[in-house]
Amino acid sequence: MEELEFYRQQSVITDPGEVAGLPTDPADLATLVGGVLIHRDWAWKFGVDLPEPRRAEAELRYVKAMLSHLGSLEPRPPAERLAVTCRDFAVLLVALLRAVGVPARARAGFAGYFVPGFYDDHWVVETWSADRGWYLLDAQVASAPPGAYGTGDLDPLDIPRDAFLVAGQAWMECRAGQRDPQTVGTSAADLTGFWEIQGNVIRDLAALTGTEVLPWDNWGLIPTHYDNLPAEDVALLDTVAPVSAAGGPLLVARETLALDARLEPPPFMVEPAQPAI
């Protein structure tokens, strides 16, 4: 399958089922996404005191399950939106872009526009246009009121490559000594360093090859702390990282996934959608 055609096709995870009447402009689709989702850790910014049990809504792996829970894509007050993470903003927008025939893929990496001097664990969308090629957009930020996330004059519909580091790029820069790994990770949990990066390197490869995992999915090399990785496993991550950084191409990403069984997501992550909670 031609590469752009692959990224026009829904994965098991992004398949939304029957959706009709969608706009085709990415900005309008991002607005739709923001009208039905709220980030569970940032709900307070929208005046929502999220009950603890609702945090489990972010466990909905599949877009069909999200839409079943929501009932429709009709915008609703913040308290009635599905409580999710950045991954879900990205995956739902990918699903809608693909539904209107636009190549799109979710990317796991680190955003440098939330905390000054720090690159925070984050997911965005990479989409294609004939005049621009692949470019990045942040559905979570793009669908929020201006200034909600303190991102300054960042255009969330056209994110510079140095403002969002796909995971492989972050790994390569830190391994080369060009970036301090202690400035990359999850600021809210005070988790930084190579172990934080290695998980997203593998999750990003999975997304590039058609499995948009949850941000806490752990398998293969991910659970083993970087400090305890044997040299050959670090070398394997050094091989994966440039593929993530380059966004493929698809054939290379698939060949890289096949290098070691520990890179491939477990089967349950690509099984048919579970029912909504």
C-alpha atoms as a PDB file:
ATOM      1  CA  MET A   1       0.000   0.000   0.000  1.00  0.00           C
ATOM      2  CA  GLU A   2       1.317   3.426  -0.912  1.00  0.00           C
ATOM      3  CA  GLU A   3       2.479   5.229   2.223  1.00  0.00           C
ATOM      4  CA  LEU A   4       0.006   8.107   2.236  1.00  0.00           C
ATOM      5  CA  GLU A   5      -2.808   5.673   1.569  1.00  0.00           C
ATOM      6  CA  PHE A   6      -1.773   3.668   4.656  1.00  0.00           C
ATOM      7  CA  TYR A   7      -2.145   6.771   6.811  1.00  0.00           C
ATOM      8  CA  ARG A   8      -5.546   7.527   5.274  1.00  0.00           C
ATOM      9  CA  GLN A   9      -6.794   4.126   6.441  1.00  0.00           C
ATOM     10  CA  GLN A  10      -8.153   3.670   9.947  1.00  0.00           C
ATOM     11  CA  SER A  11      -6.367   1.358  12.334  1.00  0.00           C
ATOM     12  CA  VAL A  12      -8.330  -0.932  14.643  1.00  0.00           C
ATOM     13  CA  ILE A  13      -7.805   1.713  17.319  1.00  0.00           C
ATOM     14  CA  THR A  14      -8.759   4.830  15.331  1.00  0.00           C
ATOM     15  CA  ASP A  15     -11.714   3.330  13.433  1.00  0.00           C
ATOM     16  CA  PRO A  16     -14.678   5.548  14.419  1.00  0.00           C
ATOM     17  CA  GLY A  17     -17.372   3.516  12.694  1.00  0.00           C
ATOM     18  CA  GLU A  18     -19.936   5.504  10.751  1.00  0.00           C
ATOM     19  CA  VAL A  19     -19.439   9.255  10.976  1.00  0.00           C
ATOM     20  CA  ALA A  20     -21.016  11.733   8.599  1.00  0.00           C
ATOM     21  CA  GLY A  21     -21.117  15.442   7.956  1.00  0.00           C
ATOM     22  CA  LEU A  22     -17.560  16.120   9.099  1.00  0.00           C
ATOM     23  CA  PRO A  23     -15.732  19.279   8.043  1.00  0.00           C
ATOM     24  CA  THR A  24     -12.497  18.731   6.163  1.00  0.00           C
ATOM     25  CA  ASP A  25     -10.367  21.538   7.587  1.00  0.00           C
ATOM     26  CA  PRO A  26      -8.004  20.306  10.351  1.00  0.00           C
ATOM     27  CA  ALA A  27      -8.758  23.379  12.471  1.00  0.00           C
ATOM     28  CA  ASP A  28     -12.492  22.674  12.356  1.00  0.00           C
ATOM     29  CA  LEU A  29     -11.917  19.017  13.205  1.00  0.00           C
ATOM     30  CA  ALA A  30      -9.728  20.027  16.149  1.00  0.00           C
ATOM     31  CA  THR A  31     -12.576  22.236  17.376  1.00  0.00           C
ATOM     32  CA  LEU A  32     -14.908  19.224  17.216  1.00  0.00           C
ATOM     33  CA  VAL A  33     -12.444  17.204  19.284  1.00  0.00           C
ATOM     34  CA  GLY A  34     -12.180  19.929  21.905  1.00  0.00           C
ATOM     35  CA  GLY A  35     -15.950  20.114  22.162  1.00  0.00           C
ATOM     36  CA  VAL A  36     -16.221  16.537  23.418  1.00  0.00           C
ATOM     37  CA  LEU A  37     -12.940  15.900  25.284  1.00  0.00           C
ATOM     38  CA  ILE A  38     -11.338  17.430  28.359  1.00  0.00           C
ATOM     39  CA  HIS A  39      -7.878  16.617  29.677  1.00  0.00           C
ATOM     40  CA  ARG A  40      -8.356  14.930  33.029  1.00  0.00           C
ATOM     41  CA  ASP A  41      -5.314  16.680  34.567  1.00  0.00           C
ATOM     42  CA  TRP A  42      -6.284  20.121  33.264  1.00  0.00           C
ATOM     43  CA  ALA A  43     -10.041  19.964  33.897  1.00  0.00           C
ATOM     44  CA  TRP A  44      -9.719  22.658  36.572  1.00  0.00           C
ATOM     45  CA  LYS A  45      -8.710  25.122  33.858  1.00  0.00           C
ATOM     46  CA  PHE A  46     -12.215  24.726  32.475  1.00  0.00           C
ATOM     47  CA  GLY A  47     -13.960  25.045  35.829  1.00  0.00           C
ATOM     48  CA  VAL A  48     -14.434  21.297  36.303  1.00  0.00           C
ATOM     49  CA  ASP A  49     -13.719  19.531  39.605  1.00  0.00           C
ATOM     50  CA  LEU A  50     -13.294  16.088  38.101  1.00  0.00           C
ATOM     51  CA  PRO A  51     -14.390  13.211  40.381  1.00  0.00           C
ATOM     52  CA  GLU A  52     -11.621  10.655  40.821  1.00  0.00           C
ATOM     53  CA  PRO A  53     -13.610   7.738  39.276  1.00  0.00           C
ATOM     54  CA  ARG A  54     -13.919   9.672  36.017  1.00  0.00           C
ATOM     55  CA  ARG A  55     -10.170   9.475  35.474  1.00  0.00           C
ATOM     56  CA  ALA A  56     -10.782   5.901  34.276  1.00  0.00           C
ATOM     57  CA  GLU A  57     -12.395   7.304  31.117  1.00  0.00           C
ATOM     58  CA  ALA A  58      -8.861   7.746  29.763  1.00  0.00           C
ATOM     59  CA  GLU A  59      -8.558   3.940  29.643  1.00  0.00           C
ATOM     60  CA  LEU A  60     -10.800   3.848  26.556  1.00  0.00           C
ATOM     61  CA  ARG A  61      -8.267   2.574  24.057  1.00  0.00           C
ATOM     62  CA  TYR A  62     -10.430   2.709  20.943  1.00  0.00           C
ATOM     63  CA  VAL A  63     -12.139   5.617  19.200  1.00  0.00           C
ATOM     64  CA  LYS A  64     -15.314   3.561  18.762  1.00  0.00           C
ATOM     65  CA  ALA A  65     -15.483   3.131  22.529  1.00  0.00           C
ATOM     66  CA  MET A  66     -14.942   6.871  23.034  1.00  0.00           C
ATOM     67  CA  LEU A  67     -17.748   7.714  20.614  1.00  0.00           C
ATOM     68  CA  SER A  68     -20.041   5.090  22.147  1.00  0.00           C
ATOM     69  CA  HIS A  69     -19.517   6.717  25.527  1.00  0.00           C
ATOM     70  CA  LEU A  70     -20.097  10.207  24.089  1.00  0.00           C
ATOM     71  CA  GLY A  71     -23.084   9.316  21.933  1.00  0.00           C
ATOM     72  CA  SER A  72     -22.216  11.941  19.317  1.00  0.00           C
ATOM     73  CA  LEU A  73     -19.685  14.583  18.357  1.00  0.00           C
ATOM     74  CA  GLU A  74     -22.043  17.358  19.398  1.00  0.00           C
ATOM     75  CA  PRO A  75     -20.204  19.939  21.545  1.00  0.00           C
ATOM     76  CA  ARG A  76     -21.079  19.940  25.222  1.00  0.00           C
ATOM     77  CA  PRO A  77     -20.197  21.814  28.442  1.00  0.00           C
ATOM     78  CA  PRO A  78     -16.745  20.930  29.850  1.00  0.00           C
ATOM     79  CA  ALA A  79     -18.151  18.879  32.737  1.00  0.00           C
ATOM     80  CA  GLU A  80     -19.940  16.597  30.246  1.00  0.00           C
ATOM     81  CA  ARG A  81     -16.905  15.921  28.064  1.00  0.00           C
ATOM     82  CA  LEU A  82     -14.950  12.675  28.130  1.00  0.00           C
ATOM     83  CA  ALA A  83     -12.042  12.940  30.586  1.00  0.00           C
ATOM     84  CA  VAL A  84      -8.922  11.866  28.713  1.00  0.00           C
ATOM     85  CA  THR A  85      -5.215  12.526  28.134  1.00  0.00           C
ATOM     86  CA  CYS A  86      -3.306  14.204  25.325  1.00  0.00           C
ATOM     87  CA  ARG A  87      -3.069  10.841  23.560  1.00  0.00           C
ATOM     88  CA  ASP A  88      -6.842  10.752  23.150  1.00  0.00           C
ATOM     89  CA  PHE A  89      -7.037  14.274  21.737  1.00  0.00           C
ATOM     90  CA  ALA A  90      -4.458  13.144  19.170  1.00  0.00           C
ATOM     91  CA  VAL A  91      -6.029   9.779  18.381  1.00  0.00           C
ATOM     92  CA  LEU A  92      -9.552  11.167  17.965  1.00  0.00           C
ATOM     93  CA  LEU A  93      -8.305  13.894  15.632  1.00  0.00           C
ATOM     94  CA  VAL A  94      -6.338  11.304  13.648  1.00  0.00           C
ATOM     95  CA  ALA A  95      -9.533   9.259  13.316  1.00  0.00           C
ATOM     96  CA  LEU A  96     -11.523  12.253  12.043  1.00  0.00           C
ATOM     97  CA  LEU A  97      -8.814  13.334   9.599  1.00  0.00           C
ATOM     98  CA  ARG A  98      -8.627   9.822   8.198  1.00  0.00           C
ATOM     99  CA  ALA A  99     -12.431   9.719   7.988  1.00  0.00           C
ATOM    100  CA  VAL A 100     -12.331  12.663   5.550  1.00  0.00           C
ATOM    101  CA  GLY A 101      -9.472  11.158   3.553  1.00  0.00           C
ATOM    102  CA  VAL A 102      -6.560  13.124   5.027  1.00  0.00           C
ATOM    103  CA  PRO A 103      -3.372  11.191   5.894  1.00  0.00           C
ATOM    104  CA  ALA A 104      -2.696  11.488   9.613  1.00  0.00           C
ATOM    105  CA  ARG A 105      -0.846   9.714  12.407  1.00  0.00           C
ATOM    106  CA  ALA A 106      -0.406  10.118  16.152  1.00  0.00           C
ATOM    107  CA  ARG A 107       3.086  10.994  17.405  1.00  0.00           C
ATOM    108  CA  ALA A 108       4.489  10.338  20.867  1.00  0.00           C
ATOM    109  CA  GLY A 109       7.158  12.684  22.136  1.00  0.00           C
ATOM    110  CA  PHE A 110       7.775  15.756  24.237  1.00  0.00           C
ATOM    111  CA  ALA A 111       6.371  19.297  24.080  1.00  0.00           C
ATOM    112  CA  GLY A 112       8.570  22.236  24.973  1.00  0.00           C
ATOM    113  CA  TYR A 113       5.735  24.757  25.239  1.00  0.00           C
ATOM    114  CA  PHE A 114       4.078  23.941  28.572  1.00  0.00           C
ATOM    115  CA  VAL A 115       6.913  24.411  31.076  1.00  0.00           C
ATOM    116  CA  PRO A 116       9.750  26.836  30.259  1.00  0.00           C
ATOM    117  CA  GLY A 117      13.010  25.005  29.643  1.00  0.00           C
ATOM    118  CA  PHE A 118      11.403  21.565  29.852  1.00  0.00           C
ATOM    119  CA  TYR A 119      10.076  19.059  27.293  1.00  0.00           C
ATOM    120  CA  ASP A 120       6.996  17.342  28.691  1.00  0.00           C
ATOM    121  CA  ASP A 121       5.614  13.939  27.732  1.00  0.00           C
ATOM    122  CA  HIS A 122       2.916  14.670  25.154  1.00  0.00           C
ATOM    123  CA  TRP A 123       1.132  13.365  22.053  1.00  0.00           C
ATOM    124  CA  VAL A 124       0.280  15.383  18.954  1.00  0.00           C
ATOM    125  CA  VAL A 125      -0.973  14.769  15.424  1.00  0.00           C
ATOM    126  CA  GLU A 126       1.106  14.700  12.290  1.00  0.00           C
ATOM    127  CA  THR A 127      -0.902  15.270   9.146  1.00  0.00           C
ATOM    128  CA  TRP A 128      -0.131  15.683   5.461  1.00  0.00           C
ATOM    129  CA  SER A 129      -0.910  18.266   2.836  1.00  0.00           C
ATOM    130  CA  ALA A 130       0.409  18.370  -0.703  1.00  0.00           C
ATOM    131  CA  ASP A 131       1.905  21.833  -0.285  1.00  0.00           C
ATOM    132  CA  ARG A 132       3.432  21.322   3.172  1.00  0.00           C
ATOM    133  CA  GLY A 133       4.193  17.628   3.483  1.00  0.00           C
ATOM    134  CA  TRP A 134       4.003  16.269   7.029  1.00  0.00           C
ATOM    135  CA  TYR A 135       3.397  18.880   9.728  1.00  0.00           C
ATOM    136  CA  LEU A 136       2.477  18.822  13.412  1.00  0.00           C
ATOM    137  CA  LEU A 137      -0.629  20.096  15.169  1.00  0.00           C
ATOM    138  CA  ASP A 138      -1.752  19.868  18.776  1.00  0.00           C
ATOM    139  CA  ALA A 139      -5.458  19.054  19.065  1.00  0.00           C
ATOM    140  CA  GLN A 140      -5.534  19.662  22.811  1.00  0.00           C
ATOM    141  CA  VAL A 141      -4.113  23.186  22.571  1.00  0.00           C
ATOM    142  CA  ALA A 142      -5.775  24.073  19.256  1.00  0.00           C
ATOM    143  CA  SER A 143      -9.245  23.336  20.620  1.00  0.00           C
ATOM    144  CA  ALA A 144      -8.810  25.308  23.857  1.00  0.00           C
ATOM    145  CA  PRO A 145      -9.374  29.033  24.390  1.00  0.00           C
ATOM    146  CA  PRO A 146      -6.265  31.095  23.568  1.00  0.00           C
ATOM    147  CA  GLY A 147      -3.849  31.140  26.478  1.00  0.00           C
ATOM    148  CA  ALA A 148      -5.479  28.242  28.321  1.00  0.00           C
ATOM    149  CA  TYR A 149      -2.228  26.300  28.419  1.00  0.00           C
ATOM    150  CA  GLY A 150       0.167  29.240  28.590  1.00  0.00           C
ATOM    151  CA  THR A 151       1.779  28.453  25.249  1.00  0.00           C
ATOM    152  CA  GLY A 152       2.353  32.074  24.227  1.00  0.00           C
ATOM    153  CA  ASP A 153       2.282  32.782  20.508  1.00  0.00           C
ATOM    154  CA  LEU A 154       2.702  29.137  19.494  1.00  0.00           C
ATOM    155  CA  ASP A 155       0.475  28.195  16.552  1.00  0.00           C
ATOM    156  CA  PRO A 156      -0.970  24.832  17.646  1.00  0.00           C
ATOM    157  CA  LEU A 157      -1.983  24.104  14.045  1.00  0.00           C
ATOM    158  CA  ASP A 158       1.607  24.369  12.842  1.00  0.00           C
ATOM    159  CA  ILE A 159       4.015  23.374  15.608  1.00  0.00           C
ATOM    160  CA  PRO A 160       7.730  23.948  14.916  1.00  0.00           C
ATOM    161  CA  ARG A 161       9.847  20.816  15.042  1.00  0.00           C
ATOM    162  CA  ASP A 162      11.976  22.271  17.806  1.00  0.00           C
ATOM    163  CA  ALA A 163       8.873  22.970  19.918  1.00  0.00           C
ATOM    164  CA  PHE A 164       7.743  19.340  19.838  1.00  0.00           C
ATOM    165  CA  LEU A 165      10.368  16.621  19.763  1.00  0.00           C
ATOM    166  CA  VAL A 166       9.136  13.294  18.486  1.00  0.00           C
ATOM    167  CA  ALA A 167      10.515  10.683  20.858  1.00  0.00           C
ATOM    168  CA  GLY A 168      13.279   9.462  18.573  1.00  0.00           C
ATOM    169  CA  GLN A 169      14.596  12.991  18.128  1.00  0.00           C
ATOM    170  CA  ALA A 170      14.663  13.537  21.886  1.00  0.00           C
ATOM    171  CA  TRP A 171      16.561  10.256  22.333  1.00  0.00           C
ATOM    172  CA  MET A 172      19.121  11.099  19.670  1.00  0.00           C
ATOM    173  CA  GLU A 173      19.769  14.604  20.984  1.00  0.00           C
ATOM    174  CA  CYS A 174      20.195  13.390  24.549  1.00  0.00           C
ATOM    175  CA  ARG A 175      22.427  10.473  23.533  1.00  0.00           C
ATOM    176  CA  ALA A 176      24.604  12.879  21.525  1.00  0.00           C
ATOM    177  CA  GLY A 177      24.933  15.249  24.481  1.00  0.00           C
ATOM    178  CA  GLN A 178      23.052  17.992  22.640  1.00  0.00           C
ATOM    179  CA  ARG A 179      20.249  18.067  25.215  1.00  0.00           C
ATOM    180  CA  ASP A 180      20.188  17.386  28.956  1.00  0.00           C
ATOM    181  CA  PRO A 181      17.975  14.306  29.529  1.00  0.00           C
ATOM    182  CA  GLN A 182      16.948  15.787  32.882  1.00  0.00           C
ATOM    183  CA  THR A 183      15.016  18.435  30.926  1.00  0.00           C
ATOM    184  CA  VAL A 184      12.873  15.782  29.231  1.00  0.00           C
ATOM    185  CA  GLY A 185      10.158  13.687  30.864  1.00  0.00           C
ATOM    186  CA  THR A 186       6.970  14.232  32.866  1.00  0.00           C
ATOM    187  CA  SER A 187       7.208  17.413  34.898  1.00  0.00           C
ATOM    188  CA  ALA A 188       4.053  16.841  36.966  1.00  0.00           C
ATOM    189  CA  ALA A 189       5.429  13.532  38.246  1.00  0.00           C
ATOM    190  CA  ASP A 190       9.028  14.797  38.499  1.00  0.00           C
ATOM    191  CA  LEU A 191      10.171  11.972  36.186  1.00  0.00           C
ATOM    192  CA  THR A 192      13.001  12.765  33.814  1.00  0.00           C
ATOM    193  CA  GLY A 193      15.802  11.140  31.862  1.00  0.00           C
ATOM    194  CA  PHE A 194      16.403   8.354  29.397  1.00  0.00           C
ATOM    195  CA  TRP A 195      13.921   5.921  30.950  1.00  0.00           C
ATOM    196  CA  GLU A 196      11.127   8.399  30.299  1.00  0.00           C
ATOM    197  CA  ILE A 197      12.300   8.830  26.716  1.00  0.00           C
ATOM    198  CA  GLN A 198      12.820   5.150  25.862  1.00  0.00           C
ATOM    199  CA  GLY A 199       9.153   4.301  26.413  1.00  0.00           C
ATOM    200  CA  ASN A 200       7.971   6.946  23.980  1.00  0.00           C
ATOM    201  CA  VAL A 201      10.557   5.882  21.390  1.00  0.00           C
ATOM    202  CA  ILE A 202       8.870   2.468  21.284  1.00  0.00           C
ATOM    203  CA  ARG A 203       5.333   3.847  21.546  1.00  0.00           C
ATOM    204  CA  ASP A 204       6.036   6.216  18.653  1.00  0.00           C
ATOM    205  CA  LEU A 205       7.290   3.342  16.494  1.00  0.00           C
ATOM    206  CA  ALA A 206       4.076   1.476  17.340  1.00  0.00           C
ATOM    207  CA  ALA A 207       1.963   4.471  16.271  1.00  0.00           C
ATOM    208  CA  LEU A 208       3.904   4.845  13.021  1.00  0.00           C
ATOM    209  CA  THR A 209       3.155   1.212  12.185  1.00  0.00           C
ATOM    210  CA  GLY A 210      -0.543   1.364  13.043  1.00  0.00           C
ATOM    211  CA  THR A 211      -0.973   0.763  16.778  1.00  0.00           C
ATOM    212  CA  GLU A 212      -1.796   3.927  18.711  1.00  0.00           C
ATOM    213  CA  VAL A 213      -1.120   2.621  22.224  1.00  0.00           C
ATOM    214  CA  LEU A 214      -2.087   4.211  25.520  1.00  0.00           C
ATOM    215  CA  PRO A 215       0.576   6.494  27.011  1.00  0.00           C
ATOM    216  CA  TRP A 216       1.145   4.131  29.950  1.00  0.00           C
ATOM    217  CA  ASP A 217       1.228   0.890  27.955  1.00  0.00           C
ATOM    218  CA  ASN A 218       4.349  -1.050  28.920  1.00  0.00           C
ATOM    219  CA  TRP A 219       5.806  -4.017  27.078  1.00  0.00           C
ATOM    220  CA  GLY A 220       9.106  -5.351  25.791  1.00  0.00           C
ATOM    221  CA  LEU A 221      11.954  -2.944  26.525  1.00  0.00           C
ATOM    222  CA  ILE A 222       9.813  -0.247  28.109  1.00  0.00           C
ATOM    223  CA  PRO A 223       9.612  -1.466  31.743  1.00  0.00           C
ATOM    224  CA  THR A 224      13.367  -2.068  32.136  1.00  0.00           C
ATOM    225  CA  HIS A 225      15.003   1.052  33.515  1.00  0.00           C
ATOM    226  CA  TYR A 226      17.550   2.602  31.184  1.00  0.00           C
ATOM    227  CA  ASP A 227      20.248   2.198  33.822  1.00  0.00           C
ATOM    228  CA  ASN A 228      19.670  -1.568  33.752  1.00  0.00           C
ATOM    229  CA  LEU A 229      19.522  -2.029  29.971  1.00  0.00           C
ATOM    230  CA  PRO A 230      22.316  -4.160  28.518  1.00  0.00           C
ATOM    231  CA  ALA A 231      24.437  -2.477  25.854  1.00  0.00           C
ATOM    232  CA  GLU A 232      22.753  -4.409  23.051  1.00  0.00           C
ATOM    233  CA  ASP A 233      19.333  -3.111  24.084  1.00  0.00           C
ATOM    234  CA  VAL A 234      20.574   0.470  24.183  1.00  0.00           C
ATOM    235  CA  ALA A 235      21.988  -0.134  20.697  1.00  0.00           C
ATOM    236  CA  LEU A 236      18.570  -1.391  19.579  1.00  0.00           C
ATOM    237  CA  LEU A 237      16.970   1.819  20.826  1.00  0.00           C
ATOM    238  CA  ASP A 238      19.695   3.739  18.992  1.00  0.00           C
ATOM    239  CA  THR A 239      18.477   1.960  15.847  1.00  0.00           C
ATOM    240  CA  VAL A 240      14.798   2.692  16.487  1.00  0.00           C
ATOM    241  CA  ALA A 241      15.275   6.364  17.355  1.00  0.00           C
ATOM    242  CA  PRO A 242      16.260   7.649  13.875  1.00  0.00           C
ATOM    243  CA  VAL A 243      13.197   5.934  12.393  1.00  0.00           C
ATOM    244  CA  SER A 244      10.984   7.733  14.900  1.00  0.00           C
ATOM    245  CA  ALA A 245      12.824  11.005  14.297  1.00  0.00           C
ATOM    246  CA  ALA A 246      12.333  10.715  10.535  1.00  0.00           C
ATOM    247  CA  GLY A 247       8.743   9.478  10.771  1.00  0.00           C
ATOM    248  CA  GLY A 248       9.584   6.341   8.848  1.00  0.00           C
ATOM    249  CA  PRO A 249       9.304   5.858   5.975  1.00  0.00           C
ATOM    250  CA  LEU A 250       6.633   3.228   6.587  1.00  0.00           C
ATOM    251  CA  LEU A 251       8.587   0.328   5.088  1.00  0.00           C
ATOM    252  CA  VAL A 252      11.593   1.132   7.274  1.00  0.00           C
ATOM    253  CA  ALA A 253       9.368   1.507  10.339  1.00  0.00           C
ATOM    254  CA  ARG A 254       7.885  -1.935   9.693  1.00  0.00           C
ATOM    255  CA  GLU A 255      11.312  -3.463   9.167  1.00  0.00           C
ATOM    256  CA  THR A 256      12.505  -1.861  12.400  1.00  0.00           C
ATOM    257  CA  LEU A 257       9.485  -3.184  14.315  1.00  0.00           C
ATOM    258  CA  ALA A 258      10.416  -6.675  13.116  1.00  0.00           C
ATOM    259  CA  LEU A 259      13.991  -6.442  14.411  1.00  0.00           C
ATOM    260  CA  ASP A 260      13.046  -7.618  17.895  1.00  0.00           C
ATOM    261  CA  ALA A 261       9.829  -9.150  19.221  1.00  0.00           C
ATOM    262  CA  ARG A 262      10.016  -6.846  22.247  1.00  0.00           C
ATOM    263  CA  LEU A 263       9.278  -3.826  20.051  1.00  0.00           C
ATOM    264  CA  GLU A 264       5.920  -5.088  18.838  1.00  0.00           C
ATOM    265  CA  PRO A 265       2.841  -4.226  20.930  1.00  0.00           C
ATOM    266  CA  PRO A 266       1.090  -7.238  22.509  1.00  0.00           C
ATOM    267  CA  PRO A 267      -1.915  -8.628  20.620  1.00  0.00           C
ATOM    268  CA  PHE A 268      -4.498  -7.328  23.103  1.00  0.00           C
ATOM    269  CA  MET A 269      -3.590  -3.782  22.078  1.00  0.00           C
ATOM    270  CA  VAL A 270      -4.929  -4.370  18.573  1.00  0.00           C
ATOM    271  CA  GLU A 271      -7.974  -6.472  19.364  1.00  0.00           C
ATOM    272  CA  PRO A 272     -11.448  -5.179  18.489  1.00  0.00           C
ATOM    273  CA  ALA A 273     -12.701  -2.268  20.556  1.00  0.00           C
ATOM    274  CA  GLN A 274     -13.936  -2.928  24.068  1.00  0.00           C
ATOM    275  CA  PRO A 275     -17.353  -1.574  25.082  1.00  0.00           C
ATOM    276  CA  ALA A 276     -17.532   1.898  26.531  1.00  0.00           C
ATOM    277  CA  ILE A 277     -17.355   2.197  30.309  1.00  0.00           C
END
